[in-house]
Amino acid sequence: MDVTDEESVKAGAKHIEGIDGKLDILVNNAGFAASLRDPDFVAKKYAAEDIFEPETVQNWVDIFALNTIAPFFIIRTFQSLLLKGAHSRPQGTSSVINISSVAAKMNTTSPMITVAYSVTKAALDKLTLVLATSFGGRGIPIRVNALQPGPFASEMVTPEFLEGLKTTLAPGQVALIPARRHGTDAEMGTTALYLAISDYTNGAVLSVDGGLSLVNP
């Protein structure tokens, strides 16, 4: 489904309701860090004397729509299915996991991404806490947590960048990642699994970043 299209999200919820009748785990993972409209955005950032100059209002609108706004409306749309999932287990809860980023904690900018990226992820962390508090305070058995990944293999980064983490400072970094490597699928998977199954974890924002945010402000 197109998570930025309300009707598409509603159709997705209806589809899942027809298959399972409930939802136990919802992961908000869609996102981007550069530009949806300009394939040369990163090149322009590297070439610009002022890295703020290539930024556009439209790009900020696009990235907030996908990275921050969409998760709220997805959760709202799937709330009834998440409730049914929670009620299908004795004293159980359903789990929402928002995929944030270690960038939410860091104040540096990089020519590889739009300035808005870290802002959208910081806003997503706040949304996670607001939703967890609201559900918890109203006795709604839906937990909302967030994961802040550091460098992991994905469509957003190149293999060369990941290899360089071992010996080279990335733009915006002041110290090498203490782990001297990127994260593994298993490390991400086990952390997500923990958030999914732990009925006692709610409103958590967990960094899985190899210590990157510890040594970089």
N, C-alpha and C. Protein backbone atom coordinates (compact mmCIF):
# COMPACT_ATOMS: atom_id res chain seq x y z
N MET A 1 0.83 -1.19 0.00
CA MET A 1 0.00 0.00 0.00
C MET A 1 0.87 1.25 0.00
N ASP A 2 0.32 2.34 -0.46
CA ASP A 2 1.00 3.64 -0.40
C ASP A 2 0.68 4.24 0.97
N VAL A 3 1.66 4.26 1.85
CA VAL A 3 1.40 4.67 3.23
C VAL A 3 1.11 6.16 3.37
N THR A 4 1.35 6.94 2.31
CA THR A 4 1.02 8.37 2.36
C THR A 4 -0.36 8.66 1.79
N ASP A 5 -1.06 7.63 1.33
CA ASP A 5 -2.39 7.77 0.76
C ASP A 5 -3.41 7.15 1.71
N GLU A 6 -4.28 7.98 2.28
CA GLU A 6 -5.20 7.51 3.31
C GLU A 6 -6.11 6.40 2.80
N GLU A 7 -6.59 6.52 1.58
CA GLU A 7 -7.48 5.49 1.04
C GLU A 7 -6.73 4.18 0.82
N SER A 8 -5.47 4.27 0.41
CA SER A 8 -4.66 3.07 0.22
C SER A 8 -4.42 2.37 1.55
N VAL A 9 -4.18 3.15 2.60
CA VAL A 9 -3.98 2.57 3.94
C VAL A 9 -5.26 1.88 4.42
N LYS A 10 -6.40 2.52 4.20
CA LYS A 10 -7.67 1.91 4.59
C LYS A 10 -7.90 0.60 3.84
N ALA A 11 -7.55 0.58 2.56
CA ALA A 11 -7.70 -0.64 1.77
C ALA A 11 -6.78 -1.73 2.29
N GLY A 12 -5.57 -1.34 2.72
CA GLY A 12 -4.64 -2.30 3.29
C GLY A 12 -5.17 -2.92 4.57
N ALA A 13 -5.75 -2.08 5.41
CA ALA A 13 -6.33 -2.58 6.66
C ALA A 13 -7.50 -3.53 6.38
N LYS A 14 -8.31 -3.18 5.42
CA LYS A 14 -9.44 -4.04 5.06
C LYS A 14 -8.95 -5.39 4.52
N HIS A 15 -7.87 -5.36 3.74
CA HIS A 15 -7.30 -6.58 3.18
C HIS A 15 -6.83 -7.50 4.31
N ILE A 16 -6.10 -6.94 5.28
CA ILE A 16 -5.59 -7.76 6.39
C ILE A 16 -6.74 -8.27 7.25
N GLU A 17 -7.75 -7.43 7.43
CA GLU A 17 -8.92 -7.87 8.21
C GLU A 17 -9.58 -9.08 7.54
N GLY A 18 -9.62 -9.07 6.21
CA GLY A 18 -10.23 -10.19 5.49
C GLY A 18 -9.41 -11.46 5.56
N ILE A 19 -8.09 -11.32 5.74
CA ILE A 19 -7.21 -12.49 5.80
C ILE A 19 -7.15 -13.06 7.22
N ASP A 20 -6.85 -12.22 8.19
CA ASP A 20 -6.60 -12.68 9.56
C ASP A 20 -7.63 -12.19 10.58
N GLY A 21 -8.31 -11.10 10.27
CA GLY A 21 -9.29 -10.57 11.20
C GLY A 21 -8.70 -9.80 12.36
N LYS A 22 -7.36 -9.74 12.43
CA LYS A 22 -6.69 -9.03 13.53
C LYS A 22 -5.26 -8.72 13.12
N LEU A 23 -4.58 -7.95 13.95
CA LEU A 23 -3.17 -7.63 13.71
C LEU A 23 -2.45 -7.66 15.05
N ASP A 24 -1.32 -8.34 15.10
CA ASP A 24 -0.55 -8.45 16.34
C ASP A 24 0.65 -7.51 16.39
N ILE A 25 1.29 -7.31 15.24
CA ILE A 25 2.51 -6.49 15.19
C ILE A 25 2.42 -5.57 13.97
N LEU A 26 2.67 -4.29 14.20
CA LEU A 26 2.70 -3.31 13.12
C LEU A 26 4.06 -2.62 13.14
N VAL A 27 4.79 -2.70 12.03
CA VAL A 27 6.09 -2.06 11.92
C VAL A 27 6.01 -0.94 10.89
N ASN A 28 6.27 0.28 11.33
CA ASN A 28 6.34 1.43 10.41
C ASN A 28 7.79 1.59 9.97
N ASN A 29 8.09 1.13 8.76
CA ASN A 29 9.47 1.08 8.29
C ASN A 29 9.71 1.91 7.03
N ALA A 30 8.66 2.34 6.34
CA ALA A 30 8.85 3.11 5.11
C ALA A 30 9.51 4.45 5.42
N GLY A 31 10.45 4.84 4.58
CA GLY A 31 11.10 6.13 4.79
C GLY A 31 12.16 6.40 3.74
N PHE A 32 12.64 7.62 3.69
CA PHE A 32 13.75 7.97 2.80
C PHE A 32 14.54 9.10 3.43
N ALA A 33 15.74 9.34 2.89
CA ALA A 33 16.64 10.30 3.53
C ALA A 33 17.14 11.39 2.60
N ALA A 34 16.91 11.25 1.30
CA ALA A 34 17.44 12.25 0.36
C ALA A 34 16.29 12.97 -0.34
N SER A 35 15.94 12.54 -1.53
CA SER A 35 14.87 13.20 -2.28
C SER A 35 14.11 12.18 -3.12
N LEU A 36 12.80 12.29 -3.12
CA LEU A 36 11.97 11.43 -3.96
C LEU A 36 11.88 11.94 -5.39
N ARG A 37 12.15 13.21 -5.58
CA ARG A 37 11.89 13.85 -6.87
C ARG A 37 13.16 14.19 -7.66
N ASP A 38 14.29 14.35 -6.96
CA ASP A 38 15.51 14.81 -7.62
C ASP A 38 16.61 13.75 -7.47
N PRO A 39 16.88 12.96 -8.51
CA PRO A 39 17.91 11.93 -8.42
C PRO A 39 19.32 12.49 -8.24
N ASP A 40 19.50 13.78 -8.51
CA ASP A 40 20.82 14.40 -8.39
C ASP A 40 20.97 15.17 -7.08
N PHE A 41 20.05 14.95 -6.15
CA PHE A 41 20.04 15.73 -4.91
C PHE A 41 21.36 15.61 -4.15
N VAL A 42 21.84 14.39 -3.96
CA VAL A 42 23.08 14.19 -3.19
C VAL A 42 24.26 14.84 -3.90
N ALA A 43 24.34 14.70 -5.22
CA ALA A 43 25.42 15.32 -5.98
C ALA A 43 25.39 16.84 -5.81
N LYS A 44 24.20 17.41 -5.81
CA LYS A 44 24.06 18.85 -5.62
C LYS A 44 24.51 19.26 -4.22
N LYS A 45 24.21 18.42 -3.22
CA LYS A 45 24.63 18.74 -1.85
C LYS A 45 26.15 18.75 -1.75
N TYR A 46 26.80 17.74 -2.37
CA TYR A 46 28.26 17.67 -2.33
C TYR A 46 28.89 18.85 -3.07
N ALA A 47 28.26 19.29 -4.16
CA ALA A 47 28.83 20.35 -4.98
C ALA A 47 28.58 21.74 -4.41
N ALA A 48 27.55 21.88 -3.58
CA ALA A 48 27.16 23.20 -3.09
C ALA A 48 28.14 23.73 -2.06
N GLU A 49 28.41 25.02 -2.13
CA GLU A 49 29.25 25.66 -1.11
C GLU A 49 28.52 25.68 0.22
N ASP A 50 27.22 25.86 0.18
CA ASP A 50 26.37 25.83 1.37
C ASP A 50 25.44 24.62 1.23
N ILE A 51 25.59 23.62 2.10
CA ILE A 51 24.81 22.39 1.96
C ILE A 51 23.32 22.61 2.21
N PHE A 52 22.94 23.77 2.75
CA PHE A 52 21.52 24.07 2.92
C PHE A 52 20.87 24.49 1.60
N GLU A 53 21.69 24.98 0.67
CA GLU A 53 21.15 25.60 -0.54
C GLU A 53 20.29 24.65 -1.39
N PRO A 54 20.69 23.36 -1.57
CA PRO A 54 19.86 22.48 -2.42
C PRO A 54 18.54 22.05 -1.78
N GLU A 55 18.33 22.34 -0.50
CA GLU A 55 17.09 21.94 0.17
C GLU A 55 15.90 22.69 -0.44
N THR A 56 14.77 21.99 -0.56
CA THR A 56 13.55 22.63 -1.07
C THR A 56 12.39 22.38 -0.13
N VAL A 57 11.42 23.27 -0.16
CA VAL A 57 10.22 23.11 0.65
C VAL A 57 9.51 21.82 0.30
N GLN A 58 9.43 21.52 -1.00
CA GLN A 58 8.73 20.31 -1.44
C GLN A 58 9.38 19.06 -0.88
N ASN A 59 10.71 19.05 -0.84
CA ASN A 59 11.40 17.87 -0.31
C ASN A 59 11.10 17.68 1.17
N TRP A 60 11.05 18.78 1.91
CA TRP A 60 10.71 18.70 3.33
C TRP A 60 9.28 18.20 3.51
N VAL A 61 8.37 18.69 2.68
CA VAL A 61 6.99 18.22 2.75
C VAL A 61 6.92 16.72 2.47
N ASP A 62 7.62 16.27 1.45
CA ASP A 62 7.63 14.85 1.08
C ASP A 62 8.15 13.98 2.21
N ILE A 63 9.27 14.39 2.80
CA ILE A 63 9.91 13.53 3.79
C ILE A 63 9.13 13.50 5.10
N PHE A 64 8.54 14.62 5.48
CA PHE A 64 7.70 14.60 6.69
C PHE A 64 6.45 13.75 6.45
N ALA A 65 5.90 13.83 5.24
CA ALA A 65 4.69 13.05 4.92
C ALA A 65 4.95 11.56 5.09
N LEU A 66 6.11 11.09 4.64
CA LEU A 66 6.40 9.66 4.71
C LEU A 66 6.99 9.24 6.05
N ASN A 67 7.97 9.98 6.55
CA ASN A 67 8.72 9.55 7.73
C ASN A 67 7.99 9.79 9.05
N THR A 68 7.12 10.79 9.10
CA THR A 68 6.53 11.18 10.38
C THR A 68 5.01 11.16 10.37
N ILE A 69 4.40 11.74 9.35
CA ILE A 69 2.94 11.85 9.34
C ILE A 69 2.28 10.51 9.06
N ALA A 70 2.80 9.78 8.08
CA ALA A 70 2.20 8.49 7.70
C ALA A 70 2.09 7.52 8.88
N PRO A 71 3.12 7.37 9.72
CA PRO A 71 2.99 6.41 10.82
C PRO A 71 1.80 6.69 11.74
N PHE A 72 1.51 7.96 12.01
CA PHE A 72 0.36 8.27 12.87
C PHE A 72 -0.94 7.77 12.26
N PHE A 73 -1.14 8.07 10.98
CA PHE A 73 -2.42 7.70 10.36
C PHE A 73 -2.51 6.20 10.09
N ILE A 74 -1.37 5.55 9.89
CA ILE A 74 -1.38 4.10 9.77
C ILE A 74 -1.81 3.46 11.09
N ILE A 75 -1.21 3.92 12.19
CA ILE A 75 -1.57 3.39 13.50
C ILE A 75 -3.04 3.64 13.80
N ARG A 76 -3.51 4.82 13.47
CA ARG A 76 -4.93 5.12 13.71
C ARG A 76 -5.83 4.19 12.90
N THR A 77 -5.47 3.96 11.66
CA THR A 77 -6.29 3.12 10.80
C THR A 77 -6.29 1.66 11.25
N PHE A 78 -5.14 1.18 11.71
CA PHE A 78 -5.02 -0.23 12.11
C PHE A 78 -5.33 -0.45 13.59
N GLN A 79 -5.72 0.60 14.30
CA GLN A 79 -5.93 0.49 15.75
C GLN A 79 -6.95 -0.60 16.10
N SER A 80 -8.06 -0.66 15.39
CA SER A 80 -9.10 -1.64 15.73
C SER A 80 -8.58 -3.06 15.52
N LEU A 81 -7.77 -3.30 14.48
CA LEU A 81 -7.20 -4.62 14.25
C LEU A 81 -6.15 -4.96 15.32
N LEU A 82 -5.39 -3.97 15.75
CA LEU A 82 -4.42 -4.19 16.82
C LEU A 82 -5.12 -4.53 18.13
N LEU A 83 -6.25 -3.90 18.37
CA LEU A 83 -7.05 -4.23 19.57
C LEU A 83 -7.53 -5.67 19.52
N LYS A 84 -8.00 -6.10 18.36
CA LYS A 84 -8.46 -7.49 18.22
C LYS A 84 -7.29 -8.46 18.42
N GLY A 85 -6.11 -8.07 17.97
CA GLY A 85 -4.94 -8.91 18.19
C GLY A 85 -4.62 -9.04 19.66
N ALA A 86 -4.68 -7.93 20.38
CA ALA A 86 -4.41 -7.96 21.82
C ALA A 86 -5.45 -8.81 22.55
N HIS A 87 -6.71 -8.67 22.18
CA HIS A 87 -7.78 -9.39 22.86
C HIS A 87 -7.80 -10.87 22.52
N SER A 88 -7.02 -11.28 21.51
CA SER A 88 -6.98 -12.69 21.14
C SER A 88 -6.06 -13.49 22.06
N ARG A 89 -5.32 -12.79 22.95
CA ARG A 89 -4.42 -13.46 23.88
C ARG A 89 -4.75 -13.02 25.30
N PRO A 90 -4.77 -13.95 26.26
CA PRO A 90 -5.07 -13.58 27.65
C PRO A 90 -4.09 -12.53 28.16
N GLN A 91 -4.60 -11.40 28.61
CA GLN A 91 -3.79 -10.32 29.16
C GLN A 91 -2.67 -9.88 28.20
N GLY A 92 -2.95 -10.00 26.92
CA GLY A 92 -1.92 -9.67 25.93
C GLY A 92 -2.00 -8.24 25.45
N THR A 93 -0.98 -7.84 24.70
CA THR A 93 -0.95 -6.54 24.04
C THR A 93 -0.53 -6.74 22.60
N SER A 94 -0.85 -5.77 21.78
CA SER A 94 -0.30 -5.73 20.43
C SER A 94 0.86 -4.74 20.41
N SER A 95 1.69 -4.87 19.41
CA SER A 95 2.93 -4.10 19.38
C SER A 95 3.05 -3.26 18.11
N VAL A 96 3.36 -1.98 18.29
CA VAL A 96 3.73 -1.10 17.18
C VAL A 96 5.20 -0.77 17.33
N ILE A 97 5.96 -0.96 16.25
CA ILE A 97 7.38 -0.62 16.26
C ILE A 97 7.64 0.41 15.16
N ASN A 98 8.04 1.60 15.57
CA ASN A 98 8.38 2.65 14.63
C ASN A 98 9.89 2.61 14.36
N ILE A 99 10.27 2.51 13.10
CA ILE A 99 11.69 2.49 12.77
C ILE A 99 12.18 3.93 12.61
N SER A 100 12.91 4.37 13.61
CA SER A 100 13.45 5.72 13.63
C SER A 100 14.87 5.68 13.05
N SER A 101 15.79 6.42 13.64
CA SER A 101 17.18 6.43 13.19
C SER A 101 18.04 7.04 14.27
N VAL A 102 19.29 6.60 14.34
CA VAL A 102 20.23 7.22 15.25
C VAL A 102 20.40 8.70 14.92
N ALA A 103 20.07 9.09 13.69
CA ALA A 103 20.16 10.49 13.29
C ALA A 103 19.30 11.39 14.16
N ALA A 104 18.25 10.82 14.76
CA ALA A 104 17.37 11.61 15.63
C ALA A 104 18.12 12.16 16.84
N LYS A 105 19.21 11.49 17.23
CA LYS A 105 19.97 11.90 18.42
C LYS A 105 21.18 12.76 18.08
N MET A 106 21.51 12.84 16.79
CA MET A 106 22.73 13.52 16.40
C MET A 106 22.43 14.89 15.78
N ASN A 107 23.29 15.85 16.03
CA ASN A 107 23.04 17.22 15.59
C ASN A 107 23.87 17.61 14.36
N THR A 108 24.65 16.67 13.85
CA THR A 108 25.47 16.97 12.67
C THR A 108 24.65 16.78 11.40
N THR A 109 25.09 17.42 10.33
CA THR A 109 24.45 17.26 9.03
C THR A 109 25.40 16.56 8.07
N SER A 110 24.85 15.97 7.05
CA SER A 110 25.66 15.24 6.08
C SER A 110 25.18 15.57 4.68
N PRO A 111 26.10 15.69 3.71
CA PRO A 111 25.68 15.94 2.34
C PRO A 111 24.99 14.73 1.69
N MET A 112 25.00 13.59 2.37
CA MET A 112 24.37 12.40 1.81
C MET A 112 22.86 12.38 2.02
N ILE A 113 22.37 13.22 2.93
CA ILE A 113 20.95 13.21 3.25
C ILE A 113 20.43 14.63 3.38
N THR A 114 19.11 14.77 3.31
CA THR A 114 18.51 16.07 3.54
C THR A 114 18.57 16.43 5.02
N VAL A 115 18.68 17.71 5.30
CA VAL A 115 18.70 18.18 6.68
C VAL A 115 17.44 17.74 7.42
N ALA A 116 16.36 17.60 6.67
CA ALA A 116 15.08 17.26 7.28
C ALA A 116 15.05 15.85 7.84
N TYR A 117 15.94 14.96 7.39
CA TYR A 117 15.86 13.56 7.79
C TYR A 117 15.92 13.39 9.30
N SER A 118 16.94 13.96 9.94
CA SER A 118 17.07 13.79 11.38
C SER A 118 15.91 14.44 12.13
N VAL A 119 15.38 15.51 11.56
CA VAL A 119 14.24 16.20 12.19
C VAL A 119 13.00 15.33 12.14
N THR A 120 12.77 14.65 11.00
CA THR A 120 11.60 13.78 10.91
C THR A 120 11.71 12.60 11.86
N LYS A 121 12.92 12.09 12.05
CA LYS A 121 13.09 10.93 12.93
C LYS A 121 12.98 11.34 14.40
N ALA A 122 13.45 12.54 14.74
CA ALA A 122 13.26 13.03 16.10
C ALA A 122 11.77 13.22 16.38
N ALA A 123 11.04 13.71 15.38
CA ALA A 123 9.60 13.88 15.53
C ALA A 123 8.90 12.52 15.67
N LEU A 124 9.40 11.50 14.95
CA LEU A 124 8.83 10.16 15.05
C LEU A 124 9.06 9.58 16.45
N ASP A 125 10.22 9.84 17.04
CA ASP A 125 10.47 9.40 18.41
C ASP A 125 9.47 10.04 19.37
N LYS A 126 9.22 11.33 19.19
CA LYS A 126 8.26 12.02 20.04
C LYS A 126 6.85 11.46 19.83
N LEU A 127 6.50 11.20 18.58
CA LEU A 127 5.20 10.62 18.29
C LEU A 127 5.06 9.26 18.98
N THR A 128 6.12 8.48 18.99
CA THR A 128 6.11 7.18 19.66
C THR A 128 5.74 7.34 21.12
N LEU A 129 6.35 8.30 21.80
CA LEU A 129 6.09 8.52 23.22
C LEU A 129 4.67 9.04 23.45
N VAL A 130 4.22 9.94 22.58
CA VAL A 130 2.86 10.49 22.72
C VAL A 130 1.82 9.39 22.56
N LEU A 131 1.99 8.53 21.56
CA LEU A 131 1.03 7.46 21.33
C LEU A 131 1.07 6.42 22.45
N ALA A 132 2.27 6.05 22.89
CA ALA A 132 2.40 5.07 23.97
C ALA A 132 1.74 5.60 25.24
N THR A 133 1.93 6.88 25.52
CA THR A 133 1.33 7.48 26.71
C THR A 133 -0.18 7.53 26.60
N SER A 134 -0.67 7.89 25.42
CA SER A 134 -2.11 7.99 25.22
C SER A 134 -2.78 6.62 25.34
N PHE A 135 -2.24 5.61 24.67
CA PHE A 135 -2.82 4.28 24.76
C PHE A 135 -2.74 3.74 26.18
N GLY A 136 -1.57 3.89 26.80
CA GLY A 136 -1.38 3.38 28.16
C GLY A 136 -2.30 4.06 29.16
N GLY A 137 -2.44 5.36 29.03
CA GLY A 137 -3.27 6.11 29.96
C GLY A 137 -4.74 5.80 29.83
N ARG A 138 -5.15 5.36 28.65
CA ARG A 138 -6.56 5.04 28.41
C ARG A 138 -6.85 3.55 28.53
N GLY A 139 -5.84 2.79 28.95
CA GLY A 139 -6.04 1.36 29.12
C GLY A 139 -6.20 0.59 27.83
N ILE A 140 -5.66 1.13 26.74
CA ILE A 140 -5.72 0.45 25.43
C ILE A 140 -4.49 -0.43 25.30
N PRO A 141 -4.67 -1.75 25.09
CA PRO A 141 -3.53 -2.68 25.11
C PRO A 141 -2.71 -2.70 23.83
N ILE A 142 -2.25 -1.53 23.43
CA ILE A 142 -1.36 -1.40 22.27
C ILE A 142 -0.10 -0.70 22.74
N ARG A 143 1.02 -1.38 22.64
CA ARG A 143 2.30 -0.78 23.01
C ARG A 143 2.95 -0.14 21.79
N VAL A 144 3.64 0.98 22.01
CA VAL A 144 4.31 1.69 20.91
C VAL A 144 5.76 1.94 21.32
N ASN A 145 6.68 1.37 20.57
CA ASN A 145 8.11 1.55 20.81
C ASN A 145 8.81 1.97 19.52
N ALA A 146 10.04 2.42 19.66
CA ALA A 146 10.81 2.85 18.48
C ALA A 146 12.19 2.23 18.49
N LEU A 147 12.69 1.93 17.31
CA LEU A 147 14.06 1.48 17.10
C LEU A 147 14.85 2.57 16.40
N GLN A 148 16.04 2.87 16.90
CA GLN A 148 16.92 3.85 16.26
C GLN A 148 18.14 3.11 15.68
N PRO A 149 18.04 2.62 14.46
CA PRO A 149 19.20 1.93 13.88
C PRO A 149 20.33 2.90 13.57
N GLY A 150 21.55 2.41 13.75
CA GLY A 150 22.71 3.09 13.21
C GLY A 150 22.95 2.57 11.81
N PRO A 151 24.20 2.44 11.39
CA PRO A 151 24.48 1.94 10.04
C PRO A 151 24.15 0.45 9.89
N PHE A 152 23.26 0.15 8.98
CA PHE A 152 22.91 -1.22 8.61
C PHE A 152 22.87 -1.29 7.09
N ALA A 153 23.05 -2.47 6.56
CA ALA A 153 22.94 -2.65 5.11
C ALA A 153 21.49 -2.40 4.70
N SER A 154 21.29 -1.52 3.75
CA SER A 154 19.94 -1.20 3.27
C SER A 154 20.06 -0.49 1.93
N GLU A 155 18.90 -0.15 1.36
CA GLU A 155 18.89 0.57 0.09
C GLU A 155 19.40 2.00 0.25
N MET A 156 19.50 2.48 1.49
CA MET A 156 19.88 3.87 1.72
C MET A 156 21.39 4.07 1.73
N VAL A 157 22.16 3.00 1.89
CA VAL A 157 23.62 3.15 1.97
C VAL A 157 24.30 2.18 1.02
N THR A 158 25.49 2.54 0.57
CA THR A 158 26.25 1.70 -0.35
C THR A 158 27.16 0.75 0.43
N PRO A 159 27.54 -0.37 -0.17
CA PRO A 159 28.51 -1.27 0.48
C PRO A 159 29.83 -0.57 0.78
N GLU A 160 30.23 0.35 -0.09
CA GLU A 160 31.48 1.09 0.12
C GLU A 160 31.42 1.93 1.38
N PHE A 161 30.25 2.55 1.62
CA PHE A 161 30.09 3.35 2.83
C PHE A 161 30.20 2.48 4.06
N LEU A 162 29.54 1.33 4.04
CA LEU A 162 29.56 0.43 5.19
C LEU A 162 30.96 -0.08 5.47
N GLU A 163 31.71 -0.40 4.41
CA GLU A 163 33.09 -0.87 4.59
C GLU A 163 33.97 0.24 5.15
N GLY A 164 33.71 1.46 4.73
CA GLY A 164 34.51 2.59 5.19
C GLY A 164 34.33 2.94 6.64
N LEU A 165 33.23 2.47 7.24
CA LEU A 165 32.99 2.75 8.66
C LEU A 165 34.11 2.27 9.55
N LYS A 166 34.82 1.24 9.09
CA LYS A 166 35.86 0.63 9.91
C LYS A 166 37.06 1.55 10.10
N THR A 167 37.32 2.39 9.09
CA THR A 167 38.56 3.17 9.12
C THR A 167 38.40 4.64 8.80
N THR A 168 37.24 5.04 8.26
CA THR A 168 37.08 6.40 7.75
C THR A 168 35.89 7.09 8.39
N LEU A 169 36.08 8.35 8.76
CA LEU A 169 34.98 9.13 9.30
C LEU A 169 34.01 9.49 8.19
N ALA A 170 32.74 9.23 8.40
CA ALA A 170 31.72 9.65 7.47
C ALA A 170 31.47 11.14 7.63
N PRO A 171 30.90 11.80 6.61
CA PRO A 171 30.60 13.23 6.74
C PRO A 171 29.74 13.49 7.98
N GLY A 172 30.16 14.44 8.80
CA GLY A 172 29.43 14.77 10.01
C GLY A 172 29.92 14.05 11.24
N GLN A 173 30.69 12.97 11.08
CA GLN A 173 31.21 12.24 12.23
C GLN A 173 32.45 12.91 12.79
N VAL A 174 32.64 12.79 14.11
CA VAL A 174 33.86 13.28 14.74
C VAL A 174 34.68 12.13 15.31
N ALA A 175 34.06 10.93 15.41
CA ALA A 175 34.77 9.76 15.92
C ALA A 175 34.24 8.51 15.22
N LEU A 176 35.10 7.54 15.04
CA LEU A 176 34.70 6.28 14.41
C LEU A 176 33.70 5.54 15.28
N ILE A 177 32.82 4.79 14.65
CA ILE A 177 31.87 3.97 15.37
C ILE A 177 32.65 2.96 16.23
N PRO A 178 32.38 2.90 17.54
CA PRO A 178 33.15 2.01 18.42
C PRO A 178 33.14 0.55 17.96
N ALA A 179 32.04 0.07 17.39
CA ALA A 179 31.97 -1.32 16.95
C ALA A 179 32.83 -1.58 15.72
N ARG A 180 33.24 -0.52 15.02
CA ARG A 180 34.06 -0.63 13.81
C ARG A 180 33.41 -1.50 12.72
N ARG A 181 32.10 -1.47 12.66
CA ARG A 181 31.40 -2.24 11.64
C ARG A 181 29.95 -1.77 11.62
N HIS A 182 29.23 -2.25 10.60
CA HIS A 182 27.80 -1.98 10.57
C HIS A 182 27.05 -3.12 11.27
N GLY A 183 25.77 -2.90 11.54
CA GLY A 183 24.98 -3.90 12.22
C GLY A 183 24.58 -5.04 11.30
N THR A 184 24.15 -6.14 11.91
CA THR A 184 23.75 -7.31 11.14
C THR A 184 22.23 -7.47 11.16
N ASP A 185 21.74 -8.25 10.22
CA ASP A 185 20.31 -8.54 10.18
C ASP A 185 19.86 -9.19 11.49
N ALA A 186 20.68 -10.08 12.02
CA ALA A 186 20.32 -10.77 13.25
C ALA A 186 20.19 -9.80 14.42
N GLU A 187 21.08 -8.81 14.48
CA GLU A 187 21.03 -7.84 15.57
C GLU A 187 19.78 -6.97 15.49
N MET A 188 19.41 -6.60 14.27
CA MET A 188 18.18 -5.83 14.10
C MET A 188 16.96 -6.71 14.38
N GLY A 189 17.00 -7.94 13.88
CA GLY A 189 15.85 -8.83 14.04
C GLY A 189 15.56 -9.19 15.48
N THR A 190 16.60 -9.49 16.24
CA THR A 190 16.38 -9.87 17.63
C THR A 190 15.87 -8.69 18.46
N THR A 191 16.33 -7.50 18.13
CA THR A 191 15.85 -6.31 18.85
C THR A 191 14.39 -6.06 18.54
N ALA A 192 14.02 -6.16 17.27
CA ALA A 192 12.62 -6.00 16.89
C ALA A 192 11.75 -7.08 17.52
N LEU A 193 12.27 -8.30 17.56
CA LEU A 193 11.53 -9.41 18.17
C LEU A 193 11.28 -9.15 19.65
N TYR A 194 12.28 -8.62 20.34
CA TYR A 194 12.11 -8.28 21.75
C TYR A 194 10.99 -7.27 21.94
N LEU A 195 10.99 -6.23 21.13
CA LEU A 195 9.94 -5.20 21.26
C LEU A 195 8.57 -5.77 20.93
N ALA A 196 8.54 -6.74 20.02
CA ALA A 196 7.26 -7.32 19.61
C ALA A 196 6.64 -8.19 20.70
N ILE A 197 7.48 -8.91 21.46
CA ILE A 197 6.93 -9.91 22.38
C ILE A 197 6.92 -9.48 23.84
N SER A 198 7.66 -8.42 24.19
CA SER A 198 7.73 -8.03 25.59
C SER A 198 6.54 -7.16 25.98
N ASP A 199 5.57 -7.74 26.65
CA ASP A 199 4.41 -6.97 27.09
C ASP A 199 4.78 -5.92 28.14
N TYR A 200 5.99 -6.00 28.66
CA TYR A 200 6.41 -5.08 29.73
C TYR A 200 7.25 -3.92 29.21
N THR A 201 7.42 -3.85 27.89
CA THR A 201 8.20 -2.77 27.29
C THR A 201 7.28 -1.87 26.48
N ASN A 202 7.19 -0.63 26.90
CA ASN A 202 6.27 0.32 26.26
C ASN A 202 6.86 1.72 26.32
N GLY A 203 6.82 2.43 25.20
CA GLY A 203 7.37 3.78 25.16
C GLY A 203 8.89 3.81 25.14
N ALA A 204 9.51 2.72 24.74
CA ALA A 204 10.97 2.66 24.67
C ALA A 204 11.46 3.17 23.32
N VAL A 205 12.60 3.86 23.34
CA VAL A 205 13.28 4.28 22.11
C VAL A 205 14.69 3.70 22.20
N LEU A 206 14.90 2.58 21.49
CA LEU A 206 16.14 1.83 21.63
C LEU A 206 17.11 2.12 20.48
N SER A 207 18.34 2.48 20.84
CA SER A 207 19.39 2.68 19.83
C SER A 207 20.11 1.37 19.59
N VAL A 208 20.23 1.00 18.33
CA VAL A 208 21.01 -0.18 17.93
C VAL A 208 22.02 0.33 16.91
N ASP A 209 23.11 0.90 17.41
CA ASP A 209 23.99 1.68 16.53
C ASP A 209 25.47 1.44 16.74
N GLY A 210 25.82 0.39 17.46
CA GLY A 210 27.24 0.09 17.64
C GLY A 210 28.00 1.14 18.42
N GLY A 211 27.28 2.00 19.14
CA GLY A 211 27.91 3.07 19.92
C GLY A 211 28.16 4.35 19.13
N LEU A 212 27.63 4.43 17.91
CA LEU A 212 27.86 5.61 17.07
C LEU A 212 27.42 6.90 17.76
N SER A 213 26.21 6.87 18.35
CA SER A 213 25.70 8.10 18.98
C SER A 213 26.40 8.42 20.28
N LEU A 214 27.10 7.44 20.86
CA LEU A 214 27.85 7.71 22.10
C LEU A 214 29.04 8.63 21.87
N VAL A 215 29.65 8.51 20.71
CA VAL A 215 30.89 9.24 20.44
C VAL A 215 30.72 10.36 19.42
N ASN A 216 29.49 10.52 18.92
CA ASN A 216 29.22 11.60 17.98
C ASN A 216 27.99 12.39 18.46
N PRO A 217 28.16 13.70 18.68
CA PRO A 217 27.05 14.50 19.22
C PRO A 217 25.93 14.70 18.19
